[in-house]
Amino acid sequence: MASFSLLGRSATALLFSFLVAGAAAQTLTISPGGFVTPGSTVTLSYEDPARANQTIVVTITGGHPPRIEAVPIQLDGSGKGTGNWKVPTGWRKGYVNAPGCREQIITITLTPPPVPQ
């Protein structure tokens, strides 16, 4: 009975490590980070080796009334790709979602923040 319990714990630990590794496999990077202004271009970089040579769609939701914009990104053989999004006028925030990634928020300002001196 003790060996079954040890085996069960080992299998559970192994399963957990696969789940954690799978959850961390996708990454979305937004550039520039911080604040952006209407009319500027944001670069969305996505990586997921499990989706190599596929097209994924990143969605950005915002505005009033709310609307959704889609940015398709073609991934290369290693699962990396980029897409661009032009920041619309009238938005204050953009809620960015990509497959397997946590939602990220883009803050949109009418004027750029001051540069620290």
N, C-alpha and C. Protein backbone atom coordinates (compact mmCIF):
# COMPACT_ATOMS: atom_id res chain seq x y z
N MET A 1 0.82 -1.19 0.00
CA MET A 1 0.00 0.00 0.00
C MET A 1 0.87 1.26 0.00
N ALA A 2 1.98 1.21 0.73
CA ALA A 2 2.88 2.36 0.79
C ALA A 2 3.49 2.64 -0.57
N SER A 3 3.82 1.60 -1.33
CA SER A 3 4.42 1.82 -2.65
C SER A 3 3.39 2.44 -3.60
N PHE A 4 2.11 2.06 -3.48
CA PHE A 4 1.08 2.67 -4.31
C PHE A 4 0.96 4.15 -4.00
N SER A 5 1.01 4.48 -2.73
CA SER A 5 0.91 5.88 -2.32
C SER A 5 2.08 6.69 -2.86
N LEU A 6 3.28 6.12 -2.78
CA LEU A 6 4.46 6.79 -3.31
C LEU A 6 4.35 6.93 -4.82
N LEU A 7 3.88 5.88 -5.50
CA LEU A 7 3.70 5.93 -6.94
C LEU A 7 2.65 6.97 -7.31
N GLY A 8 1.56 7.03 -6.55
CA GLY A 8 0.52 8.02 -6.81
C GLY A 8 1.03 9.44 -6.67
N ARG A 9 1.84 9.67 -5.64
CA ARG A 9 2.41 11.01 -5.44
C ARG A 9 3.38 11.36 -6.55
N SER A 10 4.17 10.41 -6.98
CA SER A 10 5.13 10.66 -8.06
C SER A 10 4.39 11.00 -9.35
N ALA A 11 3.34 10.24 -9.65
CA ALA A 11 2.56 10.50 -10.87
C ALA A 11 1.89 11.87 -10.79
N THR A 12 1.38 12.22 -9.63
CA THR A 12 0.76 13.53 -9.45
C THR A 12 1.78 14.65 -9.65
N ALA A 13 2.97 14.50 -9.09
CA ALA A 13 4.03 15.50 -9.24
C ALA A 13 4.44 15.64 -10.70
N LEU A 14 4.55 14.51 -11.40
CA LEU A 14 4.91 14.54 -12.81
C LEU A 14 3.84 15.22 -13.64
N LEU A 15 2.59 14.90 -13.38
CA LEU A 15 1.48 15.53 -14.10
C LEU A 15 1.48 17.03 -13.84
N PHE A 16 1.68 17.43 -12.60
CA PHE A 16 1.71 18.86 -12.26
C PHE A 16 2.84 19.57 -13.00
N SER A 17 4.01 18.94 -13.09
CA SER A 17 5.13 19.58 -13.78
C SER A 17 4.83 19.75 -15.26
N PHE A 18 4.13 18.78 -15.89
CA PHE A 18 3.74 18.93 -17.29
C PHE A 18 2.73 20.07 -17.46
N LEU A 19 1.78 20.18 -16.54
CA LEU A 19 0.80 21.25 -16.62
C LEU A 19 1.45 22.61 -16.47
N VAL A 20 2.36 22.75 -15.53
CA VAL A 20 3.05 24.02 -15.33
C VAL A 20 3.90 24.35 -16.55
N ALA A 21 4.62 23.37 -17.08
CA ALA A 21 5.44 23.61 -18.27
C ALA A 21 4.57 23.99 -19.46
N GLY A 22 3.42 23.33 -19.62
CA GLY A 22 2.53 23.66 -20.72
C GLY A 22 1.95 25.04 -20.59
N ALA A 23 1.63 25.46 -19.38
CA ALA A 23 1.05 26.78 -19.18
C ALA A 23 2.07 27.88 -19.45
N ALA A 24 3.35 27.58 -19.25
CA ALA A 24 4.37 28.59 -19.42
C ALA A 24 4.94 28.59 -20.84
N ALA A 25 4.48 27.70 -21.70
CA ALA A 25 5.07 27.57 -23.03
C ALA A 25 4.70 28.73 -23.95
N GLN A 26 3.58 29.39 -23.73
CA GLN A 26 3.15 30.48 -24.59
C GLN A 26 3.57 31.81 -23.96
N THR A 27 4.08 32.71 -24.79
CA THR A 27 4.41 34.05 -24.30
C THR A 27 3.92 35.09 -25.29
N LEU A 28 3.45 36.20 -24.75
CA LEU A 28 3.04 37.36 -25.54
C LEU A 28 3.78 38.55 -24.99
N THR A 29 4.50 39.25 -25.87
CA THR A 29 5.22 40.46 -25.48
C THR A 29 4.64 41.63 -26.26
N ILE A 30 4.38 42.71 -25.56
CA ILE A 30 3.81 43.91 -26.17
C ILE A 30 4.86 45.01 -26.13
N SER A 31 5.11 45.62 -27.30
CA SER A 31 6.12 46.68 -27.38
C SER A 31 5.57 47.85 -28.21
N PRO A 32 5.65 49.07 -27.76
CA PRO A 32 6.28 49.46 -26.51
C PRO A 32 5.40 49.11 -25.31
N GLY A 33 6.03 48.90 -24.19
CA GLY A 33 5.29 48.67 -22.95
C GLY A 33 4.91 50.02 -22.34
N GLY A 34 4.12 49.98 -21.32
CA GLY A 34 3.72 51.23 -20.66
C GLY A 34 2.60 51.92 -21.39
N PHE A 35 2.77 53.21 -21.65
CA PHE A 35 1.74 54.03 -22.27
C PHE A 35 1.94 54.15 -23.77
N VAL A 36 0.83 54.16 -24.52
CA VAL A 36 0.87 54.42 -25.96
C VAL A 36 -0.16 55.49 -26.28
N THR A 37 -0.03 56.12 -27.44
CA THR A 37 -0.95 57.17 -27.85
C THR A 37 -1.75 56.71 -29.07
N PRO A 38 -2.95 57.28 -29.26
CA PRO A 38 -3.75 56.93 -30.43
C PRO A 38 -2.95 57.19 -31.71
N GLY A 39 -3.06 56.28 -32.66
CA GLY A 39 -2.35 56.41 -33.93
C GLY A 39 -0.99 55.74 -33.93
N SER A 40 -0.47 55.42 -32.74
CA SER A 40 0.83 54.75 -32.69
C SER A 40 0.66 53.26 -33.02
N THR A 41 1.77 52.61 -33.31
CA THR A 41 1.75 51.19 -33.64
C THR A 41 2.35 50.38 -32.51
N VAL A 42 1.65 49.32 -32.13
CA VAL A 42 2.10 48.40 -31.09
C VAL A 42 2.49 47.09 -31.77
N THR A 43 3.64 46.55 -31.39
CA THR A 43 4.09 45.27 -31.92
C THR A 43 3.75 44.17 -30.91
N LEU A 44 3.08 43.13 -31.40
CA LEU A 44 2.69 41.99 -30.59
C LEU A 44 3.57 40.80 -31.00
N SER A 45 4.39 40.33 -30.09
CA SER A 45 5.27 39.18 -30.37
C SER A 45 4.76 37.99 -29.57
N TYR A 46 4.54 36.89 -30.28
CA TYR A 46 3.97 35.69 -29.66
C TYR A 46 4.92 34.53 -29.90
N GLU A 47 4.99 33.62 -28.90
CA GLU A 47 5.82 32.44 -29.04
C GLU A 47 5.13 31.24 -28.39
N ASP A 48 5.06 30.16 -29.14
CA ASP A 48 4.55 28.89 -28.64
C ASP A 48 5.06 27.78 -29.56
N PRO A 49 6.12 27.07 -29.14
CA PRO A 49 6.68 26.02 -29.99
C PRO A 49 5.66 24.96 -30.42
N ALA A 50 4.64 24.73 -29.61
CA ALA A 50 3.63 23.72 -29.94
C ALA A 50 2.74 24.16 -31.10
N ARG A 51 2.76 25.44 -31.45
CA ARG A 51 1.92 25.96 -32.55
C ARG A 51 2.77 26.36 -33.76
N ALA A 52 3.96 25.78 -33.90
CA ALA A 52 4.83 26.11 -35.02
C ALA A 52 4.09 25.98 -36.35
N ASN A 53 4.36 26.94 -37.24
CA ASN A 53 3.78 26.97 -38.60
C ASN A 53 2.27 27.14 -38.62
N GLN A 54 1.69 27.65 -37.55
CA GLN A 54 0.26 27.92 -37.51
C GLN A 54 0.03 29.42 -37.45
N THR A 55 -1.21 29.82 -37.68
CA THR A 55 -1.61 31.21 -37.50
C THR A 55 -2.46 31.29 -36.25
N ILE A 56 -2.10 32.21 -35.35
CA ILE A 56 -2.91 32.44 -34.16
C ILE A 56 -3.54 33.83 -34.29
N VAL A 57 -4.54 34.10 -33.48
CA VAL A 57 -5.19 35.40 -33.50
C VAL A 57 -5.12 36.01 -32.11
N VAL A 58 -4.57 37.22 -32.06
CA VAL A 58 -4.54 38.01 -30.83
C VAL A 58 -5.71 38.98 -30.92
N THR A 59 -6.51 39.07 -29.85
CA THR A 59 -7.63 40.00 -29.85
C THR A 59 -7.35 41.14 -28.87
N ILE A 60 -7.79 42.34 -29.29
CA ILE A 60 -7.69 43.53 -28.44
C ILE A 60 -9.09 44.09 -28.33
N THR A 61 -9.57 44.22 -27.09
CA THR A 61 -10.91 44.73 -26.82
C THR A 61 -10.80 46.08 -26.14
N GLY A 62 -11.63 47.02 -26.54
CA GLY A 62 -11.62 48.33 -25.90
C GLY A 62 -12.60 49.27 -26.58
N GLY A 63 -12.52 50.54 -26.19
CA GLY A 63 -13.37 51.57 -26.78
C GLY A 63 -14.73 51.64 -26.14
N HIS A 64 -15.49 52.64 -26.59
CA HIS A 64 -16.85 52.81 -26.10
C HIS A 64 -17.71 53.25 -27.27
N PRO A 65 -18.67 52.48 -27.73
CA PRO A 65 -19.02 51.16 -27.22
C PRO A 65 -17.87 50.18 -27.50
N PRO A 66 -17.78 49.14 -26.68
CA PRO A 66 -16.68 48.19 -26.82
C PRO A 66 -16.67 47.52 -28.19
N ARG A 67 -15.46 47.34 -28.70
CA ARG A 67 -15.32 46.57 -29.94
C ARG A 67 -14.07 45.70 -29.83
N ILE A 68 -14.01 44.70 -30.68
CA ILE A 68 -12.90 43.76 -30.67
C ILE A 68 -12.16 43.87 -32.00
N GLU A 69 -10.84 44.01 -31.90
CA GLU A 69 -9.99 44.00 -33.09
C GLU A 69 -9.13 42.74 -33.05
N ALA A 70 -8.93 42.12 -34.19
CA ALA A 70 -8.16 40.89 -34.27
C ALA A 70 -6.88 41.12 -35.05
N VAL A 71 -5.77 40.57 -34.54
CA VAL A 71 -4.47 40.65 -35.21
C VAL A 71 -4.00 39.21 -35.45
N PRO A 72 -4.06 38.74 -36.71
CA PRO A 72 -3.54 37.40 -36.99
C PRO A 72 -2.01 37.43 -37.00
N ILE A 73 -1.40 36.40 -36.44
CA ILE A 73 0.06 36.30 -36.41
C ILE A 73 0.44 34.92 -36.96
N GLN A 74 1.24 34.92 -38.02
CA GLN A 74 1.75 33.68 -38.61
C GLN A 74 3.02 33.29 -37.86
N LEU A 75 3.02 32.09 -37.28
CA LEU A 75 4.17 31.61 -36.53
C LEU A 75 5.12 30.85 -37.47
N ASP A 76 6.40 31.01 -37.22
CA ASP A 76 7.39 30.31 -38.03
C ASP A 76 7.60 28.88 -37.53
N GLY A 77 8.62 28.20 -38.05
CA GLY A 77 8.88 26.81 -37.71
C GLY A 77 9.26 26.58 -36.26
N SER A 78 9.66 27.65 -35.56
CA SER A 78 9.98 27.50 -34.13
C SER A 78 8.85 28.04 -33.25
N GLY A 79 7.75 28.45 -33.87
CA GLY A 79 6.59 28.92 -33.10
C GLY A 79 6.63 30.38 -32.71
N LYS A 80 7.43 31.19 -33.43
CA LYS A 80 7.55 32.62 -33.13
C LYS A 80 6.96 33.45 -34.26
N GLY A 81 6.33 34.57 -33.88
CA GLY A 81 5.79 35.47 -34.88
C GLY A 81 5.43 36.81 -34.28
N THR A 82 5.25 37.81 -35.15
CA THR A 82 4.87 39.15 -34.69
C THR A 82 3.75 39.70 -35.57
N GLY A 83 3.01 40.61 -34.97
CA GLY A 83 1.96 41.32 -35.68
C GLY A 83 1.91 42.74 -35.16
N ASN A 84 1.33 43.64 -35.94
CA ASN A 84 1.22 45.03 -35.53
C ASN A 84 -0.23 45.44 -35.37
N TRP A 85 -0.46 46.34 -34.42
CA TRP A 85 -1.80 46.87 -34.15
C TRP A 85 -1.70 48.38 -34.05
N LYS A 86 -2.52 49.08 -34.82
CA LYS A 86 -2.56 50.54 -34.76
C LYS A 86 -3.58 50.95 -33.71
N VAL A 87 -3.13 51.75 -32.75
CA VAL A 87 -3.98 52.15 -31.62
C VAL A 87 -5.06 53.10 -32.13
N PRO A 88 -6.33 52.74 -31.94
CA PRO A 88 -7.43 53.59 -32.42
C PRO A 88 -7.66 54.80 -31.51
N THR A 89 -8.25 55.83 -32.07
CA THR A 89 -8.64 56.98 -31.26
C THR A 89 -9.88 56.62 -30.47
N GLY A 90 -10.05 57.27 -29.34
CA GLY A 90 -11.23 57.04 -28.51
C GLY A 90 -11.09 55.91 -27.51
N TRP A 91 -10.00 55.18 -27.55
CA TRP A 91 -9.77 54.11 -26.58
C TRP A 91 -8.91 54.64 -25.45
N ARG A 92 -9.16 54.17 -24.24
CA ARG A 92 -8.32 54.51 -23.08
C ARG A 92 -7.50 53.31 -22.61
N LYS A 93 -8.02 52.11 -22.91
CA LYS A 93 -7.32 50.87 -22.58
C LYS A 93 -7.61 49.85 -23.66
N GLY A 94 -6.65 48.96 -23.86
CA GLY A 94 -6.84 47.83 -24.75
C GLY A 94 -6.56 46.56 -23.96
N TYR A 95 -7.50 45.64 -23.97
CA TYR A 95 -7.37 44.37 -23.25
C TYR A 95 -6.93 43.31 -24.27
N VAL A 96 -5.70 42.84 -24.13
CA VAL A 96 -5.06 41.99 -25.14
C VAL A 96 -5.10 40.53 -24.69
N ASN A 97 -5.60 39.67 -25.57
CA ASN A 97 -5.67 38.23 -25.28
C ASN A 97 -5.08 37.43 -26.42
N ALA A 98 -4.27 36.42 -26.04
CA ALA A 98 -3.66 35.51 -27.01
C ALA A 98 -3.80 34.09 -26.47
N PRO A 99 -3.82 33.10 -27.36
CA PRO A 99 -4.00 31.71 -26.91
C PRO A 99 -2.99 31.29 -25.84
N GLY A 100 -3.52 30.80 -24.72
CA GLY A 100 -2.68 30.29 -23.65
C GLY A 100 -1.98 31.33 -22.79
N CYS A 101 -2.27 32.61 -23.00
CA CYS A 101 -1.60 33.68 -22.25
C CYS A 101 -2.59 34.41 -21.35
N ARG A 102 -2.06 34.99 -20.29
CA ARG A 102 -2.89 35.83 -19.44
C ARG A 102 -3.21 37.13 -20.17
N GLU A 103 -4.38 37.68 -19.88
CA GLU A 103 -4.76 38.96 -20.47
C GLU A 103 -3.79 40.04 -20.04
N GLN A 104 -3.41 40.90 -20.98
CA GLN A 104 -2.57 42.05 -20.69
C GLN A 104 -3.33 43.30 -21.06
N ILE A 105 -2.99 44.40 -20.39
CA ILE A 105 -3.69 45.67 -20.61
C ILE A 105 -2.72 46.70 -21.17
N ILE A 106 -3.14 47.36 -22.26
CA ILE A 106 -2.39 48.47 -22.83
C ILE A 106 -3.09 49.75 -22.38
N THR A 107 -2.34 50.67 -21.78
CA THR A 107 -2.90 51.95 -21.35
C THR A 107 -2.65 52.97 -22.47
N ILE A 108 -3.73 53.65 -22.87
CA ILE A 108 -3.67 54.60 -23.99
C ILE A 108 -3.90 56.00 -23.44
N THR A 109 -2.98 56.92 -23.75
CA THR A 109 -3.09 58.31 -23.28
C THR A 109 -3.17 59.24 -24.48
N LEU A 110 -3.74 60.44 -24.26
CA LEU A 110 -3.80 61.41 -25.34
C LEU A 110 -2.44 62.03 -25.61
N THR A 111 -1.64 62.18 -24.57
CA THR A 111 -0.29 62.72 -24.73
C THR A 111 0.69 61.76 -24.05
N PRO A 112 1.89 61.66 -24.60
CA PRO A 112 2.86 60.77 -23.97
C PRO A 112 3.24 61.25 -22.58
N PRO A 113 3.55 60.32 -21.67
CA PRO A 113 3.95 60.74 -20.34
C PRO A 113 5.31 61.45 -20.40
N PRO A 114 5.57 62.35 -19.44
CA PRO A 114 6.84 63.08 -19.46
C PRO A 114 8.02 62.12 -19.26
N VAL A 115 9.13 62.48 -19.89
CA VAL A 115 10.35 61.69 -19.77
C VAL A 115 11.07 62.10 -18.49
N PRO A 116 11.39 61.15 -17.60
CA PRO A 116 12.10 61.49 -16.36
C PRO A 116 13.45 62.11 -16.68
N GLN A 117 13.82 63.13 -15.89
CA GLN A 117 15.09 63.81 -16.11
C GLN A 117 16.07 63.55 -15.02
